Amino acid sequence: MTDVVHAGAAPRPVGRYPHARRVGDLLFLSGIGPRDPRTDSVPGNVFDDEGRLVAHDIAAQTRAVFANVRAVLEASGARWEDLVDVTVYLTDMAGDFARYNAVWAEAFPDPATAPCRTTLGITALPTPIAIELKCVAAAPRAQA
C-alpha cells in the first residue's frame, strides 16, 4: 500500500506526479526544485531584456530547494532529520559546486547525522533552475 502526498506549501509539480509517495516506512520525494511556491519564480535568476536567463545565484536556489523539501517532508509527517538519501542535480557543477556545498554544510553541520548524498552534473533541467533534489526519508507511519 502506498500513500500519495501533495504539499500545499510546496511549488506545484511541473508534471503529472505527486510531491511524494510513502511505501512502508520510506518516503520517496519526486524531484524538488527551488521555485517559489507563491509566485512560481526562481530565486536568484537574472534575465536579460529578451527574457533569456543570463545568471543565477546557486546559494539562493539551494536555500529555496531546501525550504521546498522541508515543506514536502512536513506535509508527509516527516522531518528534515529523517532524510536518509539525497541525489542532487546541478546544471553547472564546475561553477556552482563549492557554493552549493557550503549551503549544504550549513543545513547539515554534522556529517555523522547528514543524509547520504550523490551530486551529479547535468546539462539541463525542465525549467530554468540550476539545482534539483531527489530525496528519500525514513518516515514510519504514526502509531494510532
N, C-alpha and C. Protein backbone atom coordinates (compact mmCIF):
# COMPACT_ATOMS: atom_id res chain seq x y z
N MET A 1 0.84 -1.18 0.00
CA MET A 1 0.00 0.00 0.00
C MET A 1 0.89 1.25 0.00
N THR A 2 0.52 2.24 -0.79
CA THR A 2 1.28 3.48 -0.84
C THR A 2 0.35 4.66 -0.56
N ASP A 3 0.92 5.69 0.01
CA ASP A 3 0.20 6.93 0.26
C ASP A 3 0.81 8.01 -0.62
N VAL A 4 -0.02 8.75 -1.32
CA VAL A 4 0.43 9.85 -2.16
C VAL A 4 0.36 11.13 -1.35
N VAL A 5 1.38 11.98 -1.50
CA VAL A 5 1.46 13.23 -0.75
C VAL A 5 1.46 14.40 -1.73
N HIS A 6 0.57 15.34 -1.48
CA HIS A 6 0.57 16.62 -2.20
C HIS A 6 0.74 17.69 -1.13
N ALA A 7 1.79 18.49 -1.23
CA ALA A 7 2.11 19.50 -0.22
C ALA A 7 1.66 20.87 -0.69
N GLY A 8 0.68 21.44 -0.01
CA GLY A 8 0.17 22.75 -0.38
C GLY A 8 1.19 23.86 -0.23
N ALA A 9 2.18 23.68 0.65
CA ALA A 9 3.18 24.72 0.90
C ALA A 9 4.38 24.61 -0.05
N ALA A 10 4.38 23.64 -0.94
CA ALA A 10 5.47 23.47 -1.90
C ALA A 10 4.99 23.89 -3.29
N PRO A 11 5.92 24.22 -4.19
CA PRO A 11 5.50 24.55 -5.55
C PRO A 11 4.79 23.36 -6.20
N ARG A 12 3.83 23.65 -7.06
CA ARG A 12 3.15 22.58 -7.77
C ARG A 12 4.15 21.83 -8.65
N PRO A 13 4.01 20.51 -8.75
CA PRO A 13 4.87 19.76 -9.67
C PRO A 13 4.70 20.27 -11.10
N VAL A 14 5.75 20.17 -11.90
CA VAL A 14 5.67 20.64 -13.28
C VAL A 14 5.10 19.57 -14.21
N GLY A 15 4.78 18.41 -13.67
CA GLY A 15 4.20 17.32 -14.46
C GLY A 15 3.13 16.61 -13.66
N ARG A 16 2.69 15.50 -14.18
CA ARG A 16 1.61 14.73 -13.55
C ARG A 16 2.21 13.69 -12.61
N TYR A 17 2.62 14.15 -11.43
CA TYR A 17 3.18 13.28 -10.41
C TYR A 17 2.97 13.92 -9.06
N PRO A 18 3.02 13.13 -7.99
CA PRO A 18 2.84 13.69 -6.65
C PRO A 18 4.15 14.27 -6.13
N HIS A 19 4.05 15.07 -5.08
CA HIS A 19 5.26 15.56 -4.42
C HIS A 19 6.04 14.40 -3.80
N ALA A 20 5.31 13.42 -3.26
CA ALA A 20 5.97 12.29 -2.61
C ALA A 20 5.04 11.10 -2.57
N ARG A 21 5.64 9.96 -2.29
CA ARG A 21 4.87 8.73 -2.13
C ARG A 21 5.51 7.93 -0.99
N ARG A 22 4.67 7.52 -0.05
CA ARG A 22 5.14 6.69 1.06
C ARG A 22 4.92 5.22 0.70
N VAL A 23 5.97 4.43 0.91
CA VAL A 23 5.89 2.99 0.73
C VAL A 23 6.46 2.39 2.00
N GLY A 24 5.61 1.77 2.79
CA GLY A 24 6.05 1.24 4.08
C GLY A 24 6.54 2.38 4.95
N ASP A 25 7.75 2.25 5.45
CA ASP A 25 8.33 3.28 6.32
C ASP A 25 9.28 4.22 5.58
N LEU A 26 9.21 4.20 4.25
CA LEU A 26 10.06 5.09 3.46
C LEU A 26 9.20 6.10 2.71
N LEU A 27 9.75 7.29 2.56
CA LEU A 27 9.09 8.36 1.84
C LEU A 27 9.99 8.73 0.66
N PHE A 28 9.46 8.64 -0.55
CA PHE A 28 10.20 8.96 -1.77
C PHE A 28 9.67 10.27 -2.31
N LEU A 29 10.52 11.30 -2.36
CA LEU A 29 10.12 12.59 -2.90
C LEU A 29 10.42 12.63 -4.39
N SER A 30 9.50 13.21 -5.16
CA SER A 30 9.78 13.48 -6.56
C SER A 30 10.86 14.56 -6.61
N GLY A 31 11.41 14.80 -7.78
CA GLY A 31 12.40 15.87 -7.91
C GLY A 31 11.80 17.19 -7.44
N ILE A 32 12.53 17.87 -6.57
CA ILE A 32 12.07 19.14 -5.99
C ILE A 32 13.06 20.22 -6.41
N GLY A 33 12.50 21.31 -6.94
CA GLY A 33 13.33 22.43 -7.35
C GLY A 33 13.14 23.63 -6.45
N PRO A 34 13.77 24.76 -6.80
CA PRO A 34 13.76 25.94 -5.94
C PRO A 34 12.66 26.96 -6.25
N ARG A 35 11.68 26.61 -7.09
CA ARG A 35 10.65 27.60 -7.41
C ARG A 35 9.91 28.07 -6.16
N ASP A 36 9.57 29.35 -6.13
CA ASP A 36 8.82 29.92 -5.02
C ASP A 36 7.38 29.38 -5.10
N PRO A 37 6.86 28.80 -4.01
CA PRO A 37 5.52 28.22 -4.08
C PRO A 37 4.40 29.23 -4.31
N ARG A 38 4.64 30.49 -3.97
CA ARG A 38 3.59 31.51 -4.15
C ARG A 38 3.63 32.16 -5.53
N THR A 39 4.83 32.44 -6.04
CA THR A 39 4.95 33.20 -7.29
C THR A 39 5.40 32.36 -8.48
N ASP A 40 5.91 31.17 -8.23
CA ASP A 40 6.48 30.28 -9.24
C ASP A 40 7.78 30.82 -9.83
N SER A 41 8.31 31.91 -9.25
CA SER A 41 9.58 32.45 -9.72
C SER A 41 10.73 31.63 -9.13
N VAL A 42 11.91 31.78 -9.73
CA VAL A 42 13.10 31.07 -9.27
C VAL A 42 14.03 32.08 -8.60
N PRO A 43 14.26 31.92 -7.30
CA PRO A 43 15.14 32.86 -6.59
C PRO A 43 16.52 32.93 -7.23
N GLY A 44 17.02 34.15 -7.40
CA GLY A 44 18.37 34.35 -7.89
C GLY A 44 18.55 34.30 -9.39
N ASN A 45 17.49 34.01 -10.14
CA ASN A 45 17.62 34.02 -11.60
C ASN A 45 17.64 35.46 -12.10
N VAL A 46 18.50 35.72 -13.08
CA VAL A 46 18.60 37.04 -13.71
C VAL A 46 18.37 36.84 -15.20
N PHE A 47 17.44 37.62 -15.76
CA PHE A 47 17.10 37.52 -17.17
C PHE A 47 17.47 38.81 -17.89
N ASP A 48 17.81 38.70 -19.17
CA ASP A 48 18.09 39.91 -19.95
C ASP A 48 16.78 40.51 -20.46
N ASP A 49 16.86 41.58 -21.22
CA ASP A 49 15.68 42.28 -21.71
C ASP A 49 14.80 41.41 -22.62
N GLU A 50 15.38 40.37 -23.18
CA GLU A 50 14.63 39.49 -24.08
C GLU A 50 14.12 38.23 -23.36
N GLY A 51 14.30 38.19 -22.04
CA GLY A 51 13.79 37.07 -21.26
C GLY A 51 14.69 35.85 -21.20
N ARG A 52 15.93 35.99 -21.65
CA ARG A 52 16.87 34.87 -21.60
C ARG A 52 17.58 34.86 -20.25
N LEU A 53 17.72 33.69 -19.69
CA LEU A 53 18.44 33.54 -18.42
C LEU A 53 19.92 33.84 -18.65
N VAL A 54 20.46 34.79 -17.88
CA VAL A 54 21.86 35.16 -18.06
C VAL A 54 22.71 34.86 -16.82
N ALA A 55 22.07 34.66 -15.67
CA ALA A 55 22.83 34.35 -14.45
C ALA A 55 21.88 33.75 -13.42
N HIS A 56 22.48 33.06 -12.46
CA HIS A 56 21.69 32.52 -11.35
C HIS A 56 22.53 32.56 -10.09
N ASP A 57 21.87 32.52 -8.96
CA ASP A 57 22.53 32.51 -7.65
C ASP A 57 22.29 31.14 -7.03
N ILE A 58 23.30 30.27 -7.08
CA ILE A 58 23.12 28.89 -6.62
C ILE A 58 22.87 28.84 -5.12
N ALA A 59 23.43 29.76 -4.34
CA ALA A 59 23.18 29.74 -2.90
C ALA A 59 21.71 30.03 -2.62
N ALA A 60 21.13 31.01 -3.30
CA ALA A 60 19.71 31.33 -3.13
C ALA A 60 18.84 30.16 -3.58
N GLN A 61 19.20 29.54 -4.68
CA GLN A 61 18.42 28.40 -5.17
C GLN A 61 18.55 27.20 -4.24
N THR A 62 19.73 26.99 -3.69
CA THR A 62 19.92 25.86 -2.77
C THR A 62 19.08 26.06 -1.51
N ARG A 63 19.09 27.26 -0.96
CA ARG A 63 18.26 27.53 0.22
C ARG A 63 16.77 27.34 -0.10
N ALA A 64 16.36 27.78 -1.28
CA ALA A 64 14.95 27.65 -1.67
C ALA A 64 14.55 26.19 -1.87
N VAL A 65 15.42 25.40 -2.49
CA VAL A 65 15.08 23.99 -2.70
C VAL A 65 15.03 23.27 -1.35
N PHE A 66 15.91 23.63 -0.43
CA PHE A 66 15.84 23.03 0.91
C PHE A 66 14.52 23.37 1.59
N ALA A 67 14.06 24.61 1.45
CA ALA A 67 12.77 25.01 2.04
C ALA A 67 11.63 24.20 1.41
N ASN A 68 11.69 23.97 0.11
CA ASN A 68 10.65 23.20 -0.56
C ASN A 68 10.66 21.73 -0.14
N VAL A 69 11.85 21.17 0.03
CA VAL A 69 11.94 19.80 0.53
C VAL A 69 11.34 19.72 1.93
N ARG A 70 11.68 20.69 2.78
CA ARG A 70 11.10 20.70 4.14
C ARG A 70 9.58 20.74 4.08
N ALA A 71 9.01 21.53 3.17
CA ALA A 71 7.56 21.64 3.06
C ALA A 71 6.94 20.29 2.70
N VAL A 72 7.56 19.57 1.79
CA VAL A 72 7.04 18.25 1.41
C VAL A 72 7.19 17.27 2.57
N LEU A 73 8.34 17.30 3.22
CA LEU A 73 8.53 16.41 4.37
C LEU A 73 7.48 16.67 5.44
N GLU A 74 7.25 17.94 5.77
CA GLU A 74 6.28 18.28 6.81
C GLU A 74 4.87 17.85 6.40
N ALA A 75 4.51 18.02 5.13
CA ALA A 75 3.19 17.58 4.67
C ALA A 75 3.04 16.07 4.77
N SER A 76 4.17 15.37 4.79
CA SER A 76 4.18 13.92 4.86
C SER A 76 4.27 13.41 6.30
N GLY A 77 4.41 14.34 7.25
CA GLY A 77 4.59 13.93 8.64
C GLY A 77 6.02 13.57 8.97
N ALA A 78 6.95 13.96 8.10
CA ALA A 78 8.38 13.68 8.32
C ALA A 78 9.10 14.98 8.66
N ARG A 79 10.38 14.84 9.01
CA ARG A 79 11.21 15.99 9.39
C ARG A 79 12.48 16.00 8.55
N TRP A 80 13.13 17.14 8.54
CA TRP A 80 14.42 17.31 7.84
C TRP A 80 15.41 16.23 8.29
N GLU A 81 15.40 15.95 9.58
CA GLU A 81 16.33 14.96 10.14
C GLU A 81 16.03 13.53 9.68
N ASP A 82 14.88 13.31 9.06
CA ASP A 82 14.51 11.98 8.58
C ASP A 82 15.09 11.65 7.21
N LEU A 83 15.70 12.64 6.55
CA LEU A 83 16.31 12.37 5.24
C LEU A 83 17.43 11.34 5.39
N VAL A 84 17.43 10.34 4.50
CA VAL A 84 18.49 9.33 4.54
C VAL A 84 19.33 9.30 3.27
N ASP A 85 18.76 9.79 2.16
CA ASP A 85 19.50 9.75 0.90
C ASP A 85 19.03 10.90 0.02
N VAL A 86 19.98 11.67 -0.52
CA VAL A 86 19.66 12.81 -1.37
C VAL A 86 20.53 12.74 -2.63
N THR A 87 19.87 12.81 -3.77
CA THR A 87 20.58 12.95 -5.04
C THR A 87 20.38 14.38 -5.49
N VAL A 88 21.49 15.06 -5.78
CA VAL A 88 21.47 16.47 -6.16
C VAL A 88 21.89 16.58 -7.62
N TYR A 89 21.11 17.34 -8.38
CA TYR A 89 21.41 17.59 -9.78
C TYR A 89 21.78 19.06 -9.93
N LEU A 90 22.98 19.34 -10.44
CA LEU A 90 23.44 20.71 -10.69
C LEU A 90 23.68 20.89 -12.18
N THR A 91 23.22 22.02 -12.72
CA THR A 91 23.43 22.27 -14.15
C THR A 91 24.79 22.91 -14.44
N ASP A 92 25.50 23.35 -13.40
CA ASP A 92 26.84 23.92 -13.58
C ASP A 92 27.74 23.44 -12.45
N MET A 93 28.17 22.19 -12.54
CA MET A 93 28.96 21.58 -11.48
C MET A 93 30.23 22.40 -11.21
N ALA A 94 30.95 22.78 -12.24
CA ALA A 94 32.20 23.50 -12.05
C ALA A 94 31.98 24.86 -11.39
N GLY A 95 30.96 25.57 -11.80
CA GLY A 95 30.72 26.91 -11.29
C GLY A 95 29.97 26.96 -9.97
N ASP A 96 29.17 25.93 -9.67
CA ASP A 96 28.26 26.01 -8.53
C ASP A 96 28.56 25.09 -7.36
N PHE A 97 29.38 24.06 -7.57
CA PHE A 97 29.53 23.06 -6.51
C PHE A 97 30.01 23.64 -5.18
N ALA A 98 31.01 24.48 -5.20
CA ALA A 98 31.57 24.99 -3.94
C ALA A 98 30.53 25.78 -3.14
N ARG A 99 29.79 26.66 -3.80
CA ARG A 99 28.78 27.45 -3.07
C ARG A 99 27.61 26.58 -2.62
N TYR A 100 27.17 25.66 -3.46
CA TYR A 100 26.10 24.73 -3.06
C TYR A 100 26.58 23.89 -1.86
N ASN A 101 27.81 23.42 -1.92
CA ASN A 101 28.34 22.57 -0.85
C ASN A 101 28.43 23.35 0.47
N ALA A 102 28.73 24.65 0.41
CA ALA A 102 28.77 25.48 1.62
C ALA A 102 27.38 25.61 2.24
N VAL A 103 26.35 25.77 1.41
CA VAL A 103 24.98 25.86 1.94
C VAL A 103 24.57 24.50 2.52
N TRP A 104 24.96 23.42 1.86
CA TRP A 104 24.71 22.08 2.39
C TRP A 104 25.31 21.95 3.78
N ALA A 105 26.53 22.42 3.95
CA ALA A 105 27.20 22.31 5.26
C ALA A 105 26.47 23.12 6.34
N GLU A 106 25.84 24.24 5.95
CA GLU A 106 25.02 24.99 6.91
C GLU A 106 23.80 24.18 7.33
N ALA A 107 23.18 23.51 6.38
CA ALA A 107 21.96 22.74 6.64
C ALA A 107 22.24 21.43 7.36
N PHE A 108 23.42 20.88 7.12
CA PHE A 108 23.83 19.60 7.73
C PHE A 108 25.22 19.77 8.32
N PRO A 109 25.33 20.46 9.46
CA PRO A 109 26.65 20.77 10.01
C PRO A 109 27.43 19.55 10.51
N ASP A 110 26.75 18.48 10.85
CA ASP A 110 27.41 17.28 11.37
C ASP A 110 27.34 16.17 10.33
N PRO A 111 28.45 15.84 9.67
CA PRO A 111 28.41 14.79 8.65
C PRO A 111 27.92 13.45 9.19
N ALA A 112 28.07 13.21 10.49
CA ALA A 112 27.63 11.95 11.08
C ALA A 112 26.11 11.80 11.07
N THR A 113 25.39 12.92 11.03
CA THR A 113 23.93 12.85 11.02
C THR A 113 23.32 13.30 9.69
N ALA A 114 24.17 13.69 8.75
CA ALA A 114 23.69 14.13 7.43
C ALA A 114 23.23 12.91 6.62
N PRO A 115 22.31 13.12 5.68
CA PRO A 115 21.93 12.01 4.81
C PRO A 115 23.06 11.67 3.85
N CYS A 116 23.00 10.48 3.29
CA CYS A 116 23.91 10.14 2.21
C CYS A 116 23.61 11.09 1.05
N ARG A 117 24.61 11.35 0.22
CA ARG A 117 24.42 12.32 -0.86
C ARG A 117 25.21 11.92 -2.09
N THR A 118 24.58 12.10 -3.22
CA THR A 118 25.24 11.97 -4.52
C THR A 118 24.95 13.24 -5.28
N THR A 119 25.97 13.86 -5.87
CA THR A 119 25.80 15.09 -6.63
C THR A 119 26.22 14.83 -8.06
N LEU A 120 25.32 15.15 -8.99
CA LEU A 120 25.56 14.91 -10.40
C LEU A 120 25.53 16.21 -11.18
N GLY A 121 26.42 16.36 -12.13
CA GLY A 121 26.38 17.48 -13.06
C GLY A 121 25.60 17.07 -14.29
N ILE A 122 24.59 17.86 -14.65
CA ILE A 122 23.75 17.55 -15.80
C ILE A 122 23.67 18.78 -16.71
N THR A 123 23.19 18.61 -17.91
CA THR A 123 23.18 19.73 -18.84
C THR A 123 21.96 20.63 -18.71
N ALA A 124 20.84 20.10 -18.24
CA ALA A 124 19.63 20.93 -18.14
C ALA A 124 18.61 20.27 -17.24
N LEU A 125 17.69 21.10 -16.75
CA LEU A 125 16.51 20.65 -16.02
C LEU A 125 15.30 21.19 -16.77
N PRO A 126 14.09 20.67 -16.51
CA PRO A 126 12.95 21.04 -17.34
C PRO A 126 12.44 22.48 -17.19
N THR A 127 12.89 23.19 -16.18
CA THR A 127 12.55 24.60 -16.02
C THR A 127 13.86 25.36 -15.79
N PRO A 128 13.88 26.69 -15.80
CA PRO A 128 15.15 27.41 -15.66
C PRO A 128 15.68 27.43 -14.22
N ILE A 129 15.99 26.25 -13.73
CA ILE A 129 16.56 26.10 -12.39
C ILE A 129 17.95 25.50 -12.51
N ALA A 130 18.79 25.76 -11.51
CA ALA A 130 20.17 25.27 -11.54
C ALA A 130 20.39 24.07 -10.62
N ILE A 131 19.37 23.72 -9.82
CA ILE A 131 19.51 22.63 -8.86
C ILE A 131 18.16 21.93 -8.68
N GLU A 132 18.22 20.63 -8.50
CA GLU A 132 17.03 19.84 -8.16
C GLU A 132 17.48 18.73 -7.23
N LEU A 133 16.62 18.39 -6.26
CA LEU A 133 16.92 17.32 -5.30
C LEU A 133 15.93 16.18 -5.44
N LYS A 134 16.42 14.97 -5.33
CA LYS A 134 15.62 13.75 -5.27
C LYS A 134 15.94 13.12 -3.93
N CYS A 135 14.94 12.97 -3.07
CA CYS A 135 15.19 12.58 -1.69
C CYS A 135 14.43 11.33 -1.27
N VAL A 136 15.02 10.62 -0.31
CA VAL A 136 14.36 9.51 0.37
C VAL A 136 14.49 9.78 1.86
N ALA A 137 13.38 9.60 2.58
CA ALA A 137 13.37 9.80 4.02
C ALA A 137 12.82 8.56 4.71
N ALA A 138 13.28 8.33 5.93
CA ALA A 138 12.70 7.31 6.79
C ALA A 138 11.53 7.97 7.48
N ALA A 139 10.33 7.44 7.24
CA ALA A 139 9.13 8.10 7.75
C ALA A 139 8.09 7.07 8.17
N PRO A 140 8.32 6.44 9.30
CA PRO A 140 7.32 5.46 9.77
C PRO A 140 5.96 6.11 9.93
N ARG A 141 4.94 5.31 9.67
CA ARG A 141 3.57 5.79 9.88
C ARG A 141 3.36 6.07 11.35
N ALA A 142 2.55 7.10 11.61
CA ALA A 142 2.22 7.43 13.00
C ALA A 142 1.44 6.27 13.61
N GLN A 143 1.75 5.96 14.85
CA GLN A 143 1.05 4.88 15.56
C GLN A 143 -0.28 5.38 16.08
N ALA A 144 -1.33 4.62 15.87
CA ALA A 144 -2.67 5.01 16.34
C ALA A 144 -2.86 4.69 17.80
